[in-house]
Amino acid sequence: MTSTEPLLARVDGMKLETPVGLADPRNSDNLIIMETKVSATDLARSLSEHLNRVRYRGESFAVQRGGEVVCRIVPAGPARCTIADLVRVLASAPAPDRGYLDAAEQVTRRQPRLPKAPWGR
């Protein structure tokens, strides 16, 4: 490997690239995903506590039944919806009919005026 080639590593099936001279991701402890094993019985008794640990602390759990892992509880990823997705959905929606637009305009006109701002704007 030459000094200009990046170091490559795989963490949980994800390829990471780090330029030479920076910390090697294979040795970074902040990439270690901690997973706690919990029996299905214990999980059933304290589900709320486990869900809070997943949500607020980012913990993961391997749920065991009969000593065998049957599923994993992991934090949900961020929503994968973009503004472009919203624009696409709105563009594909049918146009509102005239009755809806008239009703919306009436409701808008009946709204009381906002009071003047106390700071003079």
PDB file of N, CA and C in Angstrom:
ATOM      1  N   MET A   1       0.850  -1.176   0.000  1.00  0.00           N
ATOM      2  CA  MET A   1       0.000   0.000   0.000  1.00  0.00           C
ATOM      3  C   MET A   1       0.894   1.237   0.000  1.00  0.00           C
ATOM      4  N   THR A   2       0.547   2.183  -0.846  1.00  0.00           N
ATOM      5  CA  THR A   2       1.300   3.432  -0.883  1.00  0.00           C
ATOM      6  C   THR A   2       0.693   4.416   0.101  1.00  0.00           C
ATOM      7  N   SER A   3       1.392   5.518   0.344  1.00  0.00           N
ATOM      8  CA  SER A   3       0.919   6.476   1.344  1.00  0.00           C
ATOM      9  C   SER A   3      -0.316   7.246   0.890  1.00  0.00           C
ATOM     10  N   THR A   4      -0.705   7.135  -0.381  1.00  0.00           N
ATOM     11  CA  THR A   4      -1.895   7.857  -0.850  1.00  0.00           C
ATOM     12  C   THR A   4      -3.137   6.985  -0.888  1.00  0.00           C
ATOM     13  N   GLU A   5      -2.988   5.680  -0.692  1.00  0.00           N
ATOM     14  CA  GLU A   5      -4.147   4.797  -0.692  1.00  0.00           C
ATOM     15  C   GLU A   5      -4.839   4.832   0.666  1.00  0.00           C
ATOM     16  N   PRO A   6      -6.165   4.856   0.672  1.00  0.00           N
ATOM     17  CA  PRO A   6      -6.875   4.876   1.961  1.00  0.00           C
ATOM     18  C   PRO A   6      -6.849   3.502   2.619  1.00  0.00           C
ATOM     19  N   LEU A   7      -6.941   3.498   3.928  1.00  0.00           N
ATOM     20  CA  LEU A   7      -7.114   2.254   4.665  1.00  0.00           C
ATOM     21  C   LEU A   7      -8.577   1.877   4.553  1.00  0.00           C
ATOM     22  N   LEU A   8      -8.863   0.610   4.406  1.00  0.00           N
ATOM     23  CA  LEU A   8     -10.237   0.157   4.308  1.00  0.00           C
ATOM     24  C   LEU A   8     -10.542  -0.769   5.467  1.00  0.00           C
ATOM     25  N   ALA A   9     -11.751  -0.694   5.968  1.00  0.00           N
ATOM     26  CA  ALA A   9     -12.174  -1.577   7.046  1.00  0.00           C
ATOM     27  C   ALA A   9     -13.642  -1.896   6.854  1.00  0.00           C
ATOM     28  N   ARG A  10     -14.061  -2.990   7.416  1.00  0.00           N
ATOM     29  CA  ARG A  10     -15.478  -3.336   7.415  1.00  0.00           C
ATOM     30  C   ARG A  10     -15.937  -3.416   8.855  1.00  0.00           C
ATOM     31  N   VAL A  11     -16.987  -2.670   9.153  1.00  0.00           N
ATOM     32  CA  VAL A  11     -17.589  -2.702  10.475  1.00  0.00           C
ATOM     33  C   VAL A  11     -19.048  -3.023  10.274  1.00  0.00           C
ATOM     34  N   ASP A  12     -19.482  -4.170  10.772  1.00  0.00           N
ATOM     35  CA  ASP A  12     -20.870  -4.600  10.631  1.00  0.00           C
ATOM     36  C   ASP A  12     -21.313  -4.596   9.171  1.00  0.00           C
ATOM     37  N   GLY A  13     -20.441  -5.054   8.272  1.00  0.00           N
ATOM     38  CA  GLY A  13     -20.773  -5.135   6.870  1.00  0.00           C
ATOM     39  C   GLY A  13     -20.683  -3.819   6.118  1.00  0.00           C
ATOM     40  N   MET A  14     -20.298  -2.730   6.802  1.00  0.00           N
ATOM     41  CA  MET A  14     -20.227  -1.419   6.179  1.00  0.00           C
ATOM     42  C   MET A  14     -18.770  -1.100   5.882  1.00  0.00           C
ATOM     43  N   LYS A  15     -18.472  -0.669   4.673  1.00  0.00           N
ATOM     44  CA  LYS A  15     -17.106  -0.340   4.297  1.00  0.00           C
ATOM     45  C   LYS A  15     -16.795   1.083   4.739  1.00  0.00           C
ATOM     46  N   LEU A  16     -15.741   1.243   5.488  1.00  0.00           N
ATOM     47  CA  LEU A  16     -15.319   2.564   5.955  1.00  0.00           C
ATOM     48  C   LEU A  16     -13.979   2.897   5.337  1.00  0.00           C
ATOM     49  N   GLU A  17     -13.785   4.136   4.951  1.00  0.00           N
ATOM     50  CA  GLU A  17     -12.510   4.562   4.407  1.00  0.00           C
ATOM     51  C   GLU A  17     -11.926   5.643   5.302  1.00  0.00           C
ATOM     52  N   THR A  18     -10.681   5.497   5.641  1.00  0.00           N
ATOM     53  CA  THR A  18      -9.985   6.495   6.437  1.00  0.00           C
ATOM     54  C   THR A  18      -8.663   6.796   5.755  1.00  0.00           C
ATOM     55  N   PRO A  19      -8.364   8.049   5.453  1.00  0.00           N
ATOM     56  CA  PRO A  19      -7.085   8.377   4.838  1.00  0.00           C
ATOM     57  C   PRO A  19      -5.921   7.961   5.738  1.00  0.00           C
ATOM     58  N   VAL A  20      -4.825   7.583   5.109  1.00  0.00           N
ATOM     59  CA  VAL A  20      -3.638   7.201   5.858  1.00  0.00           C
ATOM     60  C   VAL A  20      -3.215   8.374   6.736  1.00  0.00           C
ATOM     61  N   GLY A  21      -2.777   8.083   7.926  1.00  0.00           N
ATOM     62  CA  GLY A  21      -2.361   9.122   8.850  1.00  0.00           C
ATOM     63  C   GLY A  21      -3.413   9.387   9.911  1.00  0.00           C
ATOM     64  N   LEU A  22      -4.675   9.011   9.628  1.00  0.00           N
ATOM     65  CA  LEU A  22      -5.724   9.130  10.627  1.00  0.00           C
ATOM     66  C   LEU A  22      -5.876   7.790  11.320  1.00  0.00           C
ATOM     67  N   ALA A  23      -6.638   7.784  12.389  1.00  0.00           N
ATOM     68  CA  ALA A  23      -6.817   6.555  13.153  1.00  0.00           C
ATOM     69  C   ALA A  23      -7.451   5.469  12.290  1.00  0.00           C
ATOM     70  N   ASP A  24      -6.954   4.276  12.411  1.00  0.00           N
ATOM     71  CA  ASP A  24      -7.488   3.127  11.698  1.00  0.00           C
ATOM     72  C   ASP A  24      -8.833   2.760  12.325  1.00  0.00           C
ATOM     73  N   PRO A  25      -9.948   2.749  11.550  1.00  0.00           N
ATOM     74  CA  PRO A  25     -11.253   2.463  12.132  1.00  0.00           C
ATOM     75  C   PRO A  25     -11.356   1.075  12.740  1.00  0.00           C
ATOM     76  N   ARG A  26     -10.465   0.160  12.344  1.00  0.00           N
ATOM     77  CA  ARG A  26     -10.509  -1.187  12.919  1.00  0.00           C
ATOM     78  C   ARG A  26     -10.089  -1.176  14.383  1.00  0.00           C
ATOM     79  N   ASN A  27      -9.394  -0.134  14.811  1.00  0.00           N
ATOM     80  CA  ASN A  27      -8.928  -0.054  16.192  1.00  0.00           C
ATOM     81  C   ASN A  27      -9.744   0.928  17.025  1.00  0.00           C
ATOM     82  N   SER A  28     -10.783   1.506  16.470  1.00  0.00           N
ATOM     83  CA  SER A  28     -11.561   2.521  17.176  1.00  0.00           C
ATOM     84  C   SER A  28     -12.634   1.868  18.022  1.00  0.00           C
ATOM     85  N   ASP A  29     -12.636   2.173  19.321  1.00  0.00           N
ATOM     86  CA  ASP A  29     -13.626   1.565  20.196  1.00  0.00           C
ATOM     87  C   ASP A  29     -14.991   2.233  20.074  1.00  0.00           C
ATOM     88  N   ASN A  30     -15.089   3.395  19.416  1.00  0.00           N
ATOM     89  CA  ASN A  30     -16.403   4.009  19.275  1.00  0.00           C
ATOM     90  C   ASN A  30     -17.217   3.356  18.163  1.00  0.00           C
ATOM     91  N   LEU A  31     -16.639   2.412  17.440  1.00  0.00           N
ATOM     92  CA  LEU A  31     -17.370   1.678  16.419  1.00  0.00           C
ATOM     93  C   LEU A  31     -17.824   0.305  16.907  1.00  0.00           C
ATOM     94  N   ILE A  32     -17.513  -0.030  18.148  1.00  0.00           N
ATOM     95  CA  ILE A  32     -17.927  -1.314  18.704  1.00  0.00           C
ATOM     96  C   ILE A  32     -19.398  -1.205  19.092  1.00  0.00           C
ATOM     97  N   ILE A  33     -20.198  -2.079  18.547  1.00  0.00           N
ATOM     98  CA  ILE A  33     -21.617  -2.063  18.843  1.00  0.00           C
ATOM     99  C   ILE A  33     -21.869  -3.072  19.953  1.00  0.00           C
ATOM    100  N   MET A  34     -22.280  -2.558  21.091  1.00  0.00           N
ATOM    101  CA  MET A  34     -22.528  -3.418  22.238  1.00  0.00           C
ATOM    102  C   MET A  34     -23.925  -4.009  22.130  1.00  0.00           C
ATOM    103  N   GLU A  35     -24.008  -5.301  22.310  1.00  0.00           N
ATOM    104  CA  GLU A  35     -25.289  -5.990  22.255  1.00  0.00           C
ATOM    105  C   GLU A  35     -25.411  -6.839  23.503  1.00  0.00           C
ATOM    106  N   THR A  36     -26.473  -6.615  24.242  1.00  0.00           N
ATOM    107  CA  THR A  36     -26.707  -7.353  25.470  1.00  0.00           C
ATOM    108  C   THR A  36     -27.686  -8.474  25.193  1.00  0.00           C
ATOM    109  N   LYS A  37     -27.378  -9.656  25.708  1.00  0.00           N
ATOM    110  CA  LYS A  37     -28.299 -10.779  25.555  1.00  0.00           C
ATOM    111  C   LYS A  37     -29.329 -10.709  26.673  1.00  0.00           C
ATOM    112  N   VAL A  38     -30.593 -10.928  26.307  1.00  0.00           N
ATOM    113  CA  VAL A  38     -31.679 -10.910  27.281  1.00  0.00           C
ATOM    114  C   VAL A  38     -32.642 -12.037  26.931  1.00  0.00           C
ATOM    115  N   SER A  39     -33.131 -12.719  27.961  1.00  0.00           N
ATOM    116  CA  SER A  39     -34.089 -13.800  27.696  1.00  0.00           C
ATOM    117  C   SER A  39     -35.451 -13.200  27.378  1.00  0.00           C
ATOM    118  N   ALA A  40     -36.246 -13.917  26.625  1.00  0.00           N
ATOM    119  CA  ALA A  40     -37.580 -13.453  26.258  1.00  0.00           C
ATOM    120  C   ALA A  40     -38.419 -13.217  27.512  1.00  0.00           C
ATOM    121  N   THR A  41     -38.231 -14.047  28.530  1.00  0.00           N
ATOM    122  CA  THR A  41     -38.982 -13.893  29.780  1.00  0.00           C
ATOM    123  C   THR A  41     -38.614 -12.594  30.476  1.00  0.00           C
ATOM    124  N   ASP A  42     -37.302 -12.325  30.606  1.00  0.00           N
ATOM    125  CA  ASP A  42     -36.863 -11.086  31.249  1.00  0.00           C
ATOM    126  C   ASP A  42     -37.312  -9.856  30.450  1.00  0.00           C
ATOM    127  N   LEU A  43     -37.272  -9.958  29.130  1.00  0.00           N
ATOM    128  CA  LEU A  43     -37.707  -8.854  28.288  1.00  0.00           C
ATOM    129  C   LEU A  43     -39.196  -8.576  28.497  1.00  0.00           C
ATOM    130  N   ALA A  44     -39.997  -9.640  28.579  1.00  0.00           N
ATOM    131  CA  ALA A  44     -41.437  -9.469  28.776  1.00  0.00           C
ATOM    132  C   ALA A  44     -41.728  -8.784  30.107  1.00  0.00           C
ATOM    133  N   ARG A  45     -40.917  -9.080  31.123  1.00  0.00           N
ATOM    134  CA  ARG A  45     -41.130  -8.492  32.454  1.00  0.00           C
ATOM    135  C   ARG A  45     -40.709  -7.029  32.524  1.00  0.00           C
ATOM    136  N   SER A  46     -39.796  -6.623  31.654  1.00  0.00           N
ATOM    137  CA  SER A  46     -39.284  -5.244  31.741  1.00  0.00           C
ATOM    138  C   SER A  46     -39.158  -4.614  30.356  1.00  0.00           C
ATOM    139  N   LEU A  47     -40.173  -4.797  29.534  1.00  0.00           N
ATOM    140  CA  LEU A  47     -40.128  -4.293  28.166  1.00  0.00           C
ATOM    141  C   LEU A  47     -39.948  -2.783  28.123  1.00  0.00           C
ATOM    142  N   SER A  48     -40.676  -2.058  28.938  1.00  0.00           N
ATOM    143  CA  SER A  48     -40.591  -0.592  28.925  1.00  0.00           C
ATOM    144  C   SER A  48     -39.171  -0.117  29.222  1.00  0.00           C
ATOM    145  N   GLU A  49     -38.540  -0.723  30.195  1.00  0.00           N
ATOM    146  CA  GLU A  49     -37.162  -0.346  30.548  1.00  0.00           C
ATOM    147  C   GLU A  49     -36.216  -0.616  29.378  1.00  0.00           C
ATOM    148  N   HIS A  50     -36.362  -1.776  28.746  1.00  0.00           N
ATOM    149  CA  HIS A  50     -35.489  -2.111  27.614  1.00  0.00           C
ATOM    150  C   HIS A  50     -35.716  -1.169  26.435  1.00  0.00           C
ATOM    151  N   LEU A  51     -36.981  -0.843  26.160  1.00  0.00           N
ATOM    152  CA  LEU A  51     -37.263   0.089  25.065  1.00  0.00           C
ATOM    153  C   LEU A  51     -36.673   1.469  25.336  1.00  0.00           C
ATOM    154  N   ASN A  52     -36.735   1.913  26.587  1.00  0.00           N
ATOM    155  CA  ASN A  52     -36.106   3.191  26.940  1.00  0.00           C
ATOM    156  C   ASN A  52     -34.606   3.143  26.732  1.00  0.00           C
ATOM    157  N   ARG A  53     -33.983   2.035  27.081  1.00  0.00           N
ATOM    158  CA  ARG A  53     -32.526   1.908  26.888  1.00  0.00           C
ATOM    159  C   ARG A  53     -32.165   1.929  25.406  1.00  0.00           C
ATOM    160  N   VAL A  54     -33.021   1.334  24.584  1.00  0.00           N
ATOM    161  CA  VAL A  54     -32.784   1.353  23.134  1.00  0.00           C
ATOM    162  C   VAL A  54     -32.950   2.773  22.607  1.00  0.00           C
ATOM    163  N   ARG A  55     -34.028   3.417  23.001  1.00  0.00           N
ATOM    164  CA  ARG A  55     -34.324   4.750  22.466  1.00  0.00           C
ATOM    165  C   ARG A  55     -33.358   5.817  22.950  1.00  0.00           C
ATOM    166  N   TYR A  56     -33.114   5.876  24.250  1.00  0.00           N
ATOM    167  CA  TYR A  56     -32.362   6.992  24.813  1.00  0.00           C
ATOM    168  C   TYR A  56     -30.865   6.736  24.949  1.00  0.00           C
ATOM    169  N   ARG A  57     -30.457   5.475  24.988  1.00  0.00           N
ATOM    170  CA  ARG A  57     -29.038   5.183  25.161  1.00  0.00           C
ATOM    171  C   ARG A  57     -28.435   4.480  23.952  1.00  0.00           C
ATOM    172  N   GLY A  58     -29.294   4.140  22.978  1.00  0.00           N
ATOM    173  CA  GLY A  58     -28.793   3.516  21.764  1.00  0.00           C
ATOM    174  C   GLY A  58     -28.345   2.077  21.936  1.00  0.00           C
ATOM    175  N   GLU A  59     -28.792   1.419  22.992  1.00  0.00           N
ATOM    176  CA  GLU A  59     -28.380   0.037  23.242  1.00  0.00           C
ATOM    177  C   GLU A  59     -29.095  -0.919  22.303  1.00  0.00           C
ATOM    178  N   SER A  60     -28.506  -2.093  22.115  1.00  0.00           N
ATOM    179  CA  SER A  60     -29.098  -3.153  21.307  1.00  0.00           C
ATOM    180  C   SER A  60     -29.207  -4.401  22.162  1.00  0.00           C
ATOM    181  N   PHE A  61     -30.226  -5.203  21.890  1.00  0.00           N
ATOM    182  CA  PHE A  61     -30.440  -6.429  22.654  1.00  0.00           C
ATOM    183  C   PHE A  61     -30.656  -7.600  21.713  1.00  0.00           C
ATOM    184  N   ALA A  62     -30.035  -8.741  22.046  1.00  0.00           N
ATOM    185  CA  ALA A  62     -30.273 -10.000  21.352  1.00  0.00           C
ATOM    186  C   ALA A  62     -31.212 -10.797  22.250  1.00  0.00           C
ATOM    187  N   VAL A  63     -32.410 -11.053  21.768  1.00  0.00           N
ATOM    188  CA  VAL A  63     -33.425 -11.735  22.568  1.00  0.00           C
ATOM    189  C   VAL A  63     -33.271 -13.236  22.365  1.00  0.00           C
ATOM    190  N   GLN A  64     -33.161 -13.944  23.488  1.00  0.00           N
ATOM    191  CA  GLN A  64     -32.948 -15.387  23.450  1.00  0.00           C
ATOM    192  C   GLN A  64     -34.183 -16.129  23.947  1.00  0.00           C
ATOM    193  N   ARG A  65     -34.437 -17.243  23.309  1.00  0.00           N
ATOM    194  CA  ARG A  65     -35.481 -18.153  23.778  1.00  0.00           C
ATOM    195  C   ARG A  65     -34.855 -19.536  23.764  1.00  0.00           C
ATOM    196  N   GLY A  66     -34.806 -20.143  24.914  1.00  0.00           N
ATOM    197  CA  GLY A  66     -34.174 -21.457  25.020  1.00  0.00           C
ATOM    198  C   GLY A  66     -32.685 -21.405  24.736  1.00  0.00           C
ATOM    199  N   GLY A  67     -32.028 -20.273  25.045  1.00  0.00           N
ATOM    200  CA  GLY A  67     -30.594 -20.133  24.841  1.00  0.00           C
ATOM    201  C   GLY A  67     -30.190 -19.787  23.413  1.00  0.00           C
ATOM    202  N   GLU A  68     -31.169 -19.669  22.508  1.00  0.00           N
ATOM    203  CA  GLU A  68     -30.886 -19.349  21.108  1.00  0.00           C
ATOM    204  C   GLU A  68     -31.418 -17.956  20.788  1.00  0.00           C
ATOM    205  N   VAL A  69     -30.604 -17.158  20.114  1.00  0.00           N
ATOM    206  CA  VAL A  69     -31.034 -15.816  19.726  1.00  0.00           C
ATOM    207  C   VAL A  69     -32.118 -15.947  18.666  1.00  0.00           C
ATOM    208  N   VAL A  70     -33.286 -15.330  18.942  1.00  0.00           N
ATOM    209  CA  VAL A  70     -34.406 -15.405  17.999  1.00  0.00           C
ATOM    210  C   VAL A  70     -34.669 -14.069  17.306  1.00  0.00           C
ATOM    211  N   CYS A  71     -34.229 -12.969  17.914  1.00  0.00           N
ATOM    212  CA  CYS A  71     -34.393 -11.667  17.264  1.00  0.00           C
ATOM    213  C   CYS A  71     -33.489 -10.651  17.960  1.00  0.00           C
ATOM    214  N   ARG A  72     -33.394  -9.485  17.352  1.00  0.00           N
ATOM    215  CA  ARG A  72     -32.609  -8.393  17.918  1.00  0.00           C
ATOM    216  C   ARG A  72     -33.486  -7.158  18.012  1.00  0.00           C
ATOM    217  N   ILE A  73     -33.289  -6.395  19.062  1.00  0.00           N
ATOM    218  CA  ILE A  73     -33.958  -5.103  19.206  1.00  0.00           C
ATOM    219  C   ILE A  73     -32.860  -4.056  19.095  1.00  0.00           C
ATOM    220  N   VAL A  74     -32.963  -3.223  18.072  1.00  0.00           N
ATOM    221  CA  VAL A  74     -31.931  -2.215  17.801  1.00  0.00           C
ATOM    222  C   VAL A  74     -32.608  -0.856  17.606  1.00  0.00           C
ATOM    223  N   PRO A  75     -31.866   0.232  17.812  1.00  0.00           N
ATOM    224  CA  PRO A  75     -32.456   1.555  17.579  1.00  0.00           C
ATOM    225  C   PRO A  75     -32.880   1.707  16.120  1.00  0.00           C
ATOM    226  N   ALA A  76     -34.012   2.351  15.938  1.00  0.00           N
ATOM    227  CA  ALA A  76     -34.482   2.630  14.580  1.00  0.00           C
ATOM    228  C   ALA A  76     -33.600   3.706  13.966  1.00  0.00           C
ATOM    229  N   GLY A  77     -33.351   3.608  12.693  1.00  0.00           N
ATOM    230  CA  GLY A  77     -32.558   4.623  12.010  1.00  0.00           C
ATOM    231  C   GLY A  77     -33.372   5.884  11.793  1.00  0.00           C
ATOM    232  N   PRO A  78     -32.715   6.912  11.348  1.00  0.00           N
ATOM    233  CA  PRO A  78     -33.437   8.153  11.081  1.00  0.00           C
ATOM    234  C   PRO A  78     -34.405   7.973   9.912  1.00  0.00           C
ATOM    235  N   ALA A  79     -35.416   8.818   9.878  1.00  0.00           N
ATOM    236  CA  ALA A  79     -36.377   8.765   8.785  1.00  0.00           C
ATOM    237  C   ALA A  79     -35.649   9.010   7.469  1.00  0.00           C
ATOM    238  N   ARG A  80     -36.022   8.288   6.473  1.00  0.00           N
ATOM    239  CA  ARG A  80     -35.341   8.390   5.185  1.00  0.00           C
ATOM    240  C   ARG A  80     -36.203   9.124   4.158  1.00  0.00           C
ATOM    241  N   CYS A  81     -36.879  10.154   4.580  1.00  0.00           N
ATOM    242  CA  CYS A  81     -37.731  10.922   3.690  1.00  0.00           C
ATOM    243  C   CYS A  81     -37.093  12.288   3.463  1.00  0.00           C
ATOM    244  N   THR A  82     -36.988  12.666   2.221  1.00  0.00           N
ATOM    245  CA  THR A  82     -36.375  13.944   1.890  1.00  0.00           C
ATOM    246  C   THR A  82     -37.435  14.913   1.388  1.00  0.00           C
ATOM    247  N   ILE A  83     -37.049  16.167   1.246  1.00  0.00           N
ATOM    248  CA  ILE A  83     -37.957  17.168   0.694  1.00  0.00           C
ATOM    249  C   ILE A  83     -38.350  16.772  -0.730  1.00  0.00           C
ATOM    250  N   ALA A  84     -37.410  16.216  -1.479  1.00  0.00           N
ATOM    251  CA  ALA A  84     -37.713  15.765  -2.841  1.00  0.00           C
ATOM    252  C   ALA A  84     -38.799  14.691  -2.820  1.00  0.00           C
ATOM    253  N   ASP A  85     -38.768  13.796  -1.819  1.00  0.00           N
ATOM    254  CA  ASP A  85     -39.813  12.778  -1.685  1.00  0.00           C
ATOM    255  C   ASP A  85     -41.167  13.433  -1.433  1.00  0.00           C
ATOM    256  N   LEU A  86     -41.195  14.447  -0.562  1.00  0.00           N
ATOM    257  CA  LEU A  86     -42.439  15.156  -0.265  1.00  0.00           C
ATOM    258  C   LEU A  86     -42.989  15.842  -1.519  1.00  0.00           C
ATOM    259  N   VAL A  87     -42.132  16.513  -2.256  1.00  0.00           N
ATOM    260  CA  VAL A  87     -42.550  17.186  -3.491  1.00  0.00           C
ATOM    261  C   VAL A  87     -43.133  16.174  -4.472  1.00  0.00           C
ATOM    262  N   ARG A  88     -42.486  15.016  -4.591  1.00  0.00           N
ATOM    263  CA  ARG A  88     -42.962  13.965  -5.498  1.00  0.00           C
ATOM    264  C   ARG A  88     -44.345  13.461  -5.076  1.00  0.00           C
ATOM    265  N   VAL A  89     -44.555  13.258  -3.778  1.00  0.00           N
ATOM    266  CA  VAL A  89     -45.853  12.779  -3.294  1.00  0.00           C
ATOM    267  C   VAL A  89     -46.935  13.833  -3.530  1.00  0.00           C
ATOM    268  N   LEU A  90     -46.624  15.092  -3.211  1.00  0.00           N
ATOM    269  CA  LEU A  90     -47.608  16.156  -3.412  1.00  0.00           C
ATOM    270  C   LEU A  90     -47.941  16.337  -4.879  1.00  0.00           C
ATOM    271  N   ALA A  91     -46.964  16.201  -5.746  1.00  0.00           N
ATOM    272  CA  ALA A  91     -47.201  16.347  -7.175  1.00  0.00           C
ATOM    273  C   ALA A  91     -48.058  15.207  -7.716  1.00  0.00           C
ATOM    274  N   SER A  92     -47.955  14.032  -7.119  1.00  0.00           N
ATOM    275  CA  SER A  92     -48.723  12.888  -7.614  1.00  0.00           C
ATOM    276  C   SER A  92     -50.130  12.833  -7.020  1.00  0.00           C
ATOM    277  N   ALA A  93     -50.412  13.642  -5.994  1.00  0.00           N
ATOM    278  CA  ALA A  93     -51.735  13.650  -5.374  1.00  0.00           C
ATOM    279  C   ALA A  93     -52.739  14.338  -6.292  1.00  0.00           C
ATOM    280  N   PRO A  94     -53.991  13.911  -6.246  1.00  0.00           N
ATOM    281  CA  PRO A  94     -54.987  14.578  -7.090  1.00  0.00           C
ATOM    282  C   PRO A  94     -55.217  16.010  -6.607  1.00  0.00           C
ATOM    283  N   ALA A  95     -55.566  16.879  -7.539  1.00  0.00           N
ATOM    284  CA  ALA A  95     -55.827  18.284  -7.197  1.00  0.00           C
ATOM    285  C   ALA A  95     -57.116  18.370  -6.381  1.00  0.00           C
ATOM    286  N   PRO A  96     -57.150  19.260  -5.388  1.00  0.00           N
ATOM    287  CA  PRO A  96     -58.388  19.410  -4.614  1.00  0.00           C
ATOM    288  C   PRO A  96     -59.496  19.985  -5.492  1.00  0.00           C
ATOM    289  N   ASP A  97     -60.740  19.580  -5.218  1.00  0.00           N
ATOM    290  CA  ASP A  97     -61.845  20.094  -6.026  1.00  0.00           C
ATOM    291  C   ASP A  97     -62.204  21.516  -5.611  1.00  0.00           C
ATOM    292  N   ARG A  98     -63.028  22.163  -6.405  1.00  0.00           N
ATOM    293  CA  ARG A  98     -63.376  23.571  -6.179  1.00  0.00           C
ATOM    294  C   ARG A  98     -64.090  23.766  -4.844  1.00  0.00           C
ATOM    295  N   GLY A  99     -64.924  22.833  -4.435  1.00  0.00           N
ATOM    296  CA  GLY A  99     -65.635  22.943  -3.153  1.00  0.00           C
ATOM    297  C   GLY A  99     -64.672  23.000  -1.971  1.00  0.00           C
ATOM    298  N   TYR A 100     -63.632  22.190  -2.031  1.00  0.00           N
ATOM    299  CA  TYR A 100     -62.632  22.210  -0.955  1.00  0.00           C
ATOM    300  C   TYR A 100     -61.923  23.558  -0.909  1.00  0.00           C
ATOM    301  N   LEU A 101     -61.531  24.062  -2.059  1.00  0.00           N
ATOM    302  CA  LEU A 101     -60.833  25.348  -2.102  1.00  0.00           C
ATOM    303  C   LEU A 101     -61.719  26.482  -1.593  1.00  0.00           C
ATOM    304  N   ASP A 102     -63.037  26.462  -1.937  1.00  0.00           N
ATOM    305  CA  ASP A 102     -63.962  27.487  -1.439  1.00  0.00           C
ATOM    306  C   ASP A 102     -64.092  27.402   0.078  1.00  0.00           C
ATOM    307  N   ALA A 103     -64.216  26.183   0.614  1.00  0.00           N
ATOM    308  CA  ALA A 103     -64.342  26.008   2.065  1.00  0.00           C
ATOM    309  C   ALA A 103     -63.080  26.482   2.782  1.00  0.00           C
ATOM    310  N   ALA A 104     -61.920  26.164   2.235  1.00  0.00           N
ATOM    311  CA  ALA A 104     -60.660  26.596   2.847  1.00  0.00           C
ATOM    312  C   ALA A 104     -60.550  28.116   2.846  1.00  0.00           C
ATOM    313  N   GLU A 105     -61.002  28.755   1.769  1.00  0.00           N
ATOM    314  CA  GLU A 105     -60.951  30.213   1.692  1.00  0.00           C
ATOM    315  C   GLU A 105     -61.891  30.851   2.709  1.00  0.00           C
ATOM    316  N   GLN A 106     -63.079  30.278   2.896  1.00  0.00           N
ATOM    317  CA  GLN A 106     -64.024  30.802   3.883  1.00  0.00           C
ATOM    318  C   GLN A 106     -63.457  30.698   5.294  1.00  0.00           C
ATOM    319  N   VAL A 107     -62.882  29.560   5.609  1.00  0.00           N
ATOM    320  CA  VAL A 107     -62.295  29.369   6.940  1.00  0.00           C
ATOM    321  C   VAL A 107     -61.175  30.380   7.161  1.00  0.00           C
ATOM    322  N   THR A 108     -60.368  30.591   6.163  1.00  0.00           N
ATOM    323  CA  THR A 108     -59.254  31.531   6.270  1.00  0.00           C
ATOM    324  C   THR A 108     -59.761  32.950   6.520  1.00  0.00           C
ATOM    325  N   ARG A 109     -60.822  33.347   5.809  1.00  0.00           N
ATOM    326  CA  ARG A 109     -61.353  34.702   5.971  1.00  0.00           C
ATOM    327  C   ARG A 109     -62.013  34.913   7.321  1.00  0.00           C
ATOM    328  N   ARG A 110     -62.537  33.861   7.935  1.00  0.00           N
ATOM    329  CA  ARG A 110     -63.220  33.975   9.233  1.00  0.00           C
ATOM    330  C   ARG A 110     -62.253  34.025  10.415  1.00  0.00           C
ATOM    331  N   GLN A 111     -61.006  33.791  10.174  1.00  0.00           N
ATOM    332  CA  GLN A 111     -60.031  33.808  11.260  1.00  0.00           C
ATOM    333  C   GLN A 111     -59.887  35.230  11.801  1.00  0.00           C
ATOM    334  N   PRO A 112     -59.844  35.386  13.141  1.00  0.00           N
ATOM    335  CA  PRO A 112     -59.676  36.727  13.695  1.00  0.00           C
ATOM    336  C   PRO A 112     -58.268  37.248  13.403  1.00  0.00           C
ATOM    337  N   ARG A 113     -58.169  38.563  13.368  1.00  0.00           N
ATOM    338  CA  ARG A 113     -56.866  39.183  13.163  1.00  0.00           C
ATOM    339  C   ARG A 113     -56.004  38.959  14.394  1.00  0.00           C
ATOM    340  N   LEU A 114     -54.714  38.835  14.165  1.00  0.00           N
ATOM    341  CA  LEU A 114     -53.780  38.704  15.280  1.00  0.00           C
ATOM    342  C   LEU A 114     -53.636  40.054  15.970  1.00  0.00           C
ATOM    343  N   PRO A 115     -53.465  40.057  17.299  1.00  0.00           N
ATOM    344  CA  PRO A 115     -53.249  41.340  17.991  1.00  0.00           C
ATOM    345  C   PRO A 115     -51.906  41.948  17.573  1.00  0.00           C
ATOM    346  N   LYS A 116     -51.812  43.240  17.736  1.00  0.00           N
ATOM    347  CA  LYS A 116     -50.538  43.902  17.412  1.00  0.00           C
ATOM    348  C   LYS A 116     -49.452  43.400  18.348  1.00  0.00           C
ATOM    349  N   ALA A 117     -48.276  43.276  17.821  1.00  0.00           N
ATOM    350  CA  ALA A 117     -47.146  42.810  18.608  1.00  0.00           C
ATOM    351  C   ALA A 117     -46.792  43.851  19.679  1.00  0.00           C
ATOM    352  N   PRO A 118     -46.528  43.434  20.899  1.00  0.00           N
ATOM    353  CA  PRO A 118     -46.205  44.390  21.965  1.00  0.00           C
ATOM    354  C   PRO A 118     -44.870  45.100  21.754  1.00  0.00           C
ATOM    355  N   TRP A 119     -44.024  44.575  20.910  1.00  0.00           N
ATOM    356  CA  TRP A 119     -42.716  45.201  20.691  1.00  0.00           C
ATOM    357  C   TRP A 119     -42.713  46.144  19.500  1.00  0.00           C
ATOM    358  N   GLY A 120     -43.879  46.408  18.902  1.00  0.00           N
ATOM    359  CA  GLY A 120     -44.002  47.453  17.920  1.00  0.00           C
ATOM    360  C   GLY A 120     -43.728  47.054  16.497  1.00  0.00           C
ATOM    361  N   ARG A 121     -43.738  45.858  16.159  1.00  0.00           N
ATOM    362  CA  ARG A 121     -43.490  45.450  14.766  1.00  0.00           C
ATOM    363  C   ARG A 121     -44.747  45.350  14.013  1.00  0.00           C
TER     364      ARG A 121
END
